[in-house]
Amino acid sequence: MLGSASVKIPTHIAVIPDGNRRYARKAGLDFYHAYKRGVEKVRSFLTWALEFREIRNVTFYALSTENLQRSRLELEILFRIFEEELRKTLEDPLIHENRVRIRFIGDRTLLPGRVVKFMEELESATKNYSNYHVTLALGYGGRAEIVRCVKRILAGEVKLAEITEDALFHCLDTRDLPNPEPDVVLRTGGEKRLSNFLLYQAAYSELIFLDKLWPEVEREDLAYVVEEYSRRQRRFGR
């Protein structure tokens, strides 16, 4: 039973919210309204996650480097929605009352300046919060992140003589997170792959796949994820 002492609840859930475009076709919506529902579902998912006090970290794969190869029209729709939602989040009581710190990972040079502006404002507005942590991967790819890490090593940010598996976490995009390794990676939309998401951090994460398209996910789906995680025995390769 959820909430009992016997239930093991993940502290960090990483989400690949797949299926927005398929949802648009299924529901007869244009991309704007389908993506809008998808972004609104991110806020709903966070609300549900906050009901589990143990879930302190949630990471969303919001925009991959591969997504940036889509048409200019589709990207403009996405960037407009991101700008609207980031502006709204600046004043969102859910964030401030629960003291949720928000960070962004990825290559910001790939994003429009107007979007980066709101990203930076949101990071600044929540920098002193530490109850919960939300990370949004924008312009992000796991392989590109590892390349950035190597460049930081070559630049002397991490000494070569001190490189270990654990030390490598200090030069990844997630280096400022209190818990960079997800307990669970959840992917919606029926696909069963990581798609270049948190390749180093998710080495021992439990993978859970839902057939539901992202905008169709509901509170009971998060409850299922928690229950499924609780049933699993994590061995960390041992």
Protein backbone atom coordinates (compact mmCIF):
# COMPACT_ATOMS: atom_id res chain seq x y z
CA MET A 1 0.00 0.00 0.00
CA LEU A 2 1.38 3.42 -0.94
CA GLY A 3 2.57 5.48 1.97
CA SER A 4 3.26 2.48 4.22
CA ALA A 5 6.69 1.94 5.73
CA SER A 6 7.22 -1.15 3.53
CA VAL A 7 6.94 0.76 0.26
CA LYS A 8 10.27 1.81 -1.23
CA ILE A 9 9.77 5.15 -3.00
CA PRO A 10 12.26 6.56 -5.52
CA THR A 11 13.93 9.83 -4.60
CA HIS A 12 14.75 10.78 -8.21
CA ILE A 13 12.53 10.11 -11.22
CA ALA A 14 13.72 11.05 -14.71
CA VAL A 15 11.02 11.30 -17.38
CA ILE A 16 11.11 10.96 -21.15
CA PRO A 17 7.68 12.46 -21.99
CA ASP A 18 7.17 10.85 -25.39
CA GLY A 19 4.09 10.90 -27.61
CA ASN A 20 3.04 14.53 -28.03
CA ARG A 21 2.96 14.45 -31.83
CA ARG A 22 1.12 11.13 -31.92
CA TYR A 23 -1.34 12.58 -29.43
CA ALA A 24 -1.93 15.51 -31.79
CA ARG A 25 -2.91 13.12 -34.58
CA LYS A 26 -4.99 10.95 -32.28
CA ALA A 27 -6.90 13.86 -30.72
CA GLY A 28 -7.19 15.88 -33.94
CA LEU A 29 -5.21 18.79 -32.47
CA ASP A 30 -2.69 21.09 -34.05
CA PHE A 31 0.88 20.94 -32.75
CA TYR A 32 0.48 24.03 -30.59
CA HIS A 33 -2.43 22.70 -28.55
CA ALA A 34 -0.97 19.18 -28.35
CA TYR A 35 2.40 20.46 -27.12
CA LYS A 36 0.62 22.86 -24.79
CA ARG A 37 -1.14 19.92 -23.14
CA GLY A 38 2.16 18.09 -22.96
CA VAL A 39 3.87 20.98 -21.16
CA GLU A 40 0.89 21.40 -18.83
CA LYS A 41 1.20 17.69 -18.03
CA VAL A 42 4.73 18.36 -16.79
CA ARG A 43 3.27 20.71 -14.20
CA SER A 44 0.61 18.14 -13.28
CA PHE A 45 3.22 15.39 -12.93
CA LEU A 46 5.26 17.58 -10.61
CA THR A 47 2.15 18.26 -8.52
CA TRP A 48 1.56 14.52 -8.15
CA ALA A 49 5.21 13.87 -7.37
CA LEU A 50 5.10 16.39 -4.53
CA GLU A 51 2.43 14.23 -2.88
CA PHE A 52 5.21 11.68 -2.27
CA ARG A 53 7.48 13.48 0.14
CA GLU A 54 10.34 11.12 -0.68
CA ILE A 55 10.44 12.13 -4.35
CA ARG A 56 12.82 15.07 -4.09
CA ASN A 57 14.18 15.17 -7.65
CA VAL A 58 12.37 15.08 -10.99
CA THR A 59 14.16 15.48 -14.32
CA PHE A 60 12.30 16.00 -17.61
CA TYR A 61 13.72 15.43 -21.10
CA ALA A 62 12.05 18.52 -22.53
CA LEU A 63 13.95 19.04 -25.80
CA SER A 64 16.70 16.85 -27.21
CA THR A 65 19.44 17.83 -29.62
CA GLU A 66 17.71 15.51 -32.11
CA ASN A 67 14.42 17.39 -31.65
CA LEU A 68 16.20 20.54 -32.82
CA GLN A 69 16.37 19.01 -36.30
CA ARG A 70 12.59 19.30 -36.70
CA SER A 71 10.95 21.89 -38.95
CA ARG A 72 11.36 25.58 -38.18
CA LEU A 73 7.57 25.91 -37.74
CA GLU A 74 7.40 23.13 -35.15
CA LEU A 75 10.39 24.49 -33.26
CA GLU A 76 8.91 27.99 -33.21
CA ILE A 77 5.74 26.53 -31.70
CA LEU A 78 7.77 24.74 -29.05
CA PHE A 79 9.87 27.78 -28.21
CA ARG A 80 6.76 29.95 -27.91
CA ILE A 81 5.22 27.46 -25.49
CA PHE A 82 8.45 27.21 -23.49
CA GLU A 83 8.60 30.99 -23.22
CA GLU A 84 4.95 31.17 -22.07
CA GLU A 85 5.34 28.38 -19.53
CA LEU A 86 8.64 29.61 -18.11
CA ARG A 87 7.13 33.06 -17.62
CA LYS A 88 4.15 31.48 -15.85
CA THR A 89 6.41 29.34 -13.68
CA LEU A 90 8.22 32.42 -12.37
CA GLU A 91 5.04 33.29 -10.45
CA ASP A 92 3.78 29.76 -9.82
CA PRO A 93 2.81 29.21 -6.14
CA LEU A 94 3.52 25.48 -6.58
CA ILE A 95 7.20 26.30 -7.06
CA HIS A 96 7.58 28.95 -4.38
CA GLU A 97 5.39 27.46 -1.64
CA ASN A 98 7.16 24.09 -1.95
CA ARG A 99 10.58 25.72 -2.39
CA VAL A 100 11.37 23.88 -5.60
CA ARG A 101 14.73 24.66 -7.15
CA ILE A 102 14.73 24.62 -10.96
CA ARG A 103 17.77 24.00 -13.11
CA PHE A 104 18.36 23.49 -16.82
CA ILE A 105 20.86 21.18 -18.47
CA GLY A 106 21.95 21.08 -22.10
CA ASP A 107 23.55 23.43 -24.59
CA ARG A 108 21.93 26.85 -24.24
CA THR A 109 23.66 28.17 -27.34
CA LEU A 110 21.24 26.02 -29.35
CA LEU A 111 18.21 27.86 -27.95
CA PRO A 112 16.70 31.28 -28.75
CA GLY A 113 17.90 34.10 -26.52
CA ARG A 114 14.37 34.93 -25.37
CA VAL A 115 13.95 31.39 -24.00
CA VAL A 116 17.38 31.40 -22.33
CA LYS A 117 16.47 34.70 -20.65
CA PHE A 118 13.52 33.14 -18.85
CA MET A 119 15.54 30.02 -18.04
CA GLU A 120 18.14 32.17 -16.29
CA GLU A 121 15.48 34.22 -14.48
CA LEU A 122 13.83 31.06 -13.20
CA GLU A 123 17.12 29.59 -12.02
CA SER A 124 17.92 32.83 -10.23
CA ALA A 125 14.46 33.07 -8.63
CA THR A 126 14.74 29.56 -7.16
CA LYS A 127 18.46 29.32 -6.42
CA ASN A 128 17.95 29.46 -2.66
CA TYR A 129 15.35 26.70 -2.60
CA SER A 130 16.35 23.17 -1.64
CA ASN A 131 13.26 21.20 -0.61
CA TYR A 132 12.76 19.76 -4.09
CA HIS A 133 14.72 19.86 -7.33
CA VAL A 134 13.34 19.96 -10.87
CA THR A 135 15.72 19.71 -13.81
CA LEU A 136 14.67 20.43 -17.37
CA ALA A 137 16.85 19.09 -20.18
CA LEU A 138 16.63 21.60 -23.05
CA GLY A 139 18.89 21.34 -26.08
CA TYR A 140 20.24 18.25 -24.35
CA GLY A 141 21.88 15.05 -25.58
CA GLY A 142 23.71 12.52 -23.44
CA ARG A 143 26.60 12.08 -25.86
CA ALA A 144 27.04 15.84 -26.24
CA GLU A 145 27.05 16.13 -22.44
CA ILE A 146 29.93 13.63 -22.23
CA VAL A 147 31.84 15.65 -24.85
CA ARG A 148 31.32 18.79 -22.72
CA CYS A 149 32.60 16.84 -19.72
CA VAL A 150 35.77 15.84 -21.58
CA LYS A 151 36.36 19.47 -22.56
CA ARG A 152 36.01 20.52 -18.90
CA ILE A 153 38.62 17.93 -17.97
CA LEU A 154 40.97 19.19 -20.67
CA ALA A 155 40.38 22.74 -19.43
CA GLY A 156 41.57 21.69 -15.98
CA GLU A 157 38.22 21.88 -14.16
CA VAL A 158 38.78 18.28 -13.07
CA LYS A 159 42.35 17.05 -12.63
CA LEU A 160 43.30 14.07 -14.79
CA ALA A 161 45.02 12.37 -11.87
CA GLU A 162 41.78 12.51 -9.90
CA ILE A 163 39.50 11.01 -12.55
CA THR A 164 37.39 8.15 -11.23
CA GLU A 165 33.89 6.97 -12.06
CA ASP A 166 32.54 9.09 -9.20
CA ALA A 167 34.72 12.11 -10.04
CA LEU A 168 33.34 12.16 -13.59
CA PHE A 169 30.00 13.26 -12.16
CA HIS A 170 31.65 16.57 -11.27
CA CYS A 171 32.02 17.61 -14.90
CA LEU A 172 28.64 16.49 -16.24
CA ASP A 173 25.76 18.92 -16.76
CA THR A 174 24.10 17.45 -13.65
CA ARG A 175 27.11 18.17 -11.42
CA ASP A 176 25.18 20.62 -9.21
CA LEU A 177 22.31 18.24 -8.47
CA PRO A 178 22.18 16.67 -4.99
CA ASN A 179 21.26 13.31 -6.54
CA PRO A 180 22.24 13.13 -10.24
CA GLU A 181 21.54 9.39 -10.64
CA PRO A 182 17.84 8.65 -11.25
CA ASP A 183 16.34 5.75 -9.34
CA VAL A 184 13.82 5.42 -12.18
CA VAL A 185 13.79 6.45 -15.82
CA LEU A 186 10.19 6.57 -17.00
CA ARG A 187 9.36 6.70 -20.70
CA THR A 188 5.84 7.13 -22.03
CA GLY A 189 4.51 6.54 -25.54
CA GLY A 190 5.28 2.83 -25.82
CA GLU A 191 8.88 3.15 -27.03
CA LYS A 192 11.54 1.24 -25.11
CA ARG A 193 14.83 3.10 -25.40
CA LEU A 194 16.75 5.90 -23.65
CA SER A 195 17.15 8.08 -26.75
CA ASN A 196 20.42 9.67 -25.64
CA PHE A 197 19.09 10.69 -22.20
CA LEU A 198 21.34 10.74 -19.10
CA LEU A 199 23.55 8.00 -20.51
CA TYR A 200 26.13 8.14 -17.72
CA GLN A 201 23.78 8.94 -14.87
CA ALA A 202 21.22 6.23 -15.70
CA ALA A 203 23.68 3.33 -15.74
CA TYR A 204 21.88 1.59 -12.88
CA SER A 205 18.45 3.22 -13.08
CA GLU A 206 15.32 1.10 -13.16
CA LEU A 207 13.60 1.50 -16.53
CA ILE A 208 9.80 1.69 -16.68
CA PHE A 209 7.85 2.09 -19.92
CA LEU A 210 4.23 3.15 -20.29
CA ASP A 211 2.16 2.63 -23.42
CA LYS A 212 0.25 5.85 -22.75
CA LEU A 213 1.11 8.95 -24.73
CA TRP A 214 2.53 11.69 -22.50
CA PRO A 215 -0.52 14.02 -22.50
CA GLU A 216 -2.67 11.03 -21.45
CA VAL A 217 -0.68 10.24 -18.29
CA GLU A 218 -2.63 10.57 -15.03
CA ARG A 219 -1.94 10.46 -11.30
CA GLU A 220 -2.50 6.70 -11.13
CA ASP A 221 0.32 6.18 -13.61
CA LEU A 222 2.80 7.77 -11.23
CA ALA A 223 1.36 5.58 -8.46
CA TYR A 224 2.01 2.56 -10.69
CA VAL A 225 5.62 3.69 -11.24
CA VAL A 226 6.18 3.96 -7.49
CA GLU A 227 4.60 0.57 -6.88
CA GLU A 228 6.59 -1.07 -9.67
CA TYR A 229 9.82 0.45 -8.34
CA SER A 230 8.99 -0.83 -4.86
CA ARG A 231 8.66 -4.37 -6.19
CA ARG A 232 12.06 -4.38 -7.84
CA GLN A 233 15.31 -5.45 -6.20
CA ARG A 234 18.12 -3.14 -7.23
CA ARG A 235 21.51 -4.89 -7.51
CA PHE A 236 23.60 -2.13 -9.13
CA GLY A 237 25.32 -4.69 -11.34
CA ARG A 238 26.22 -6.97 -8.43
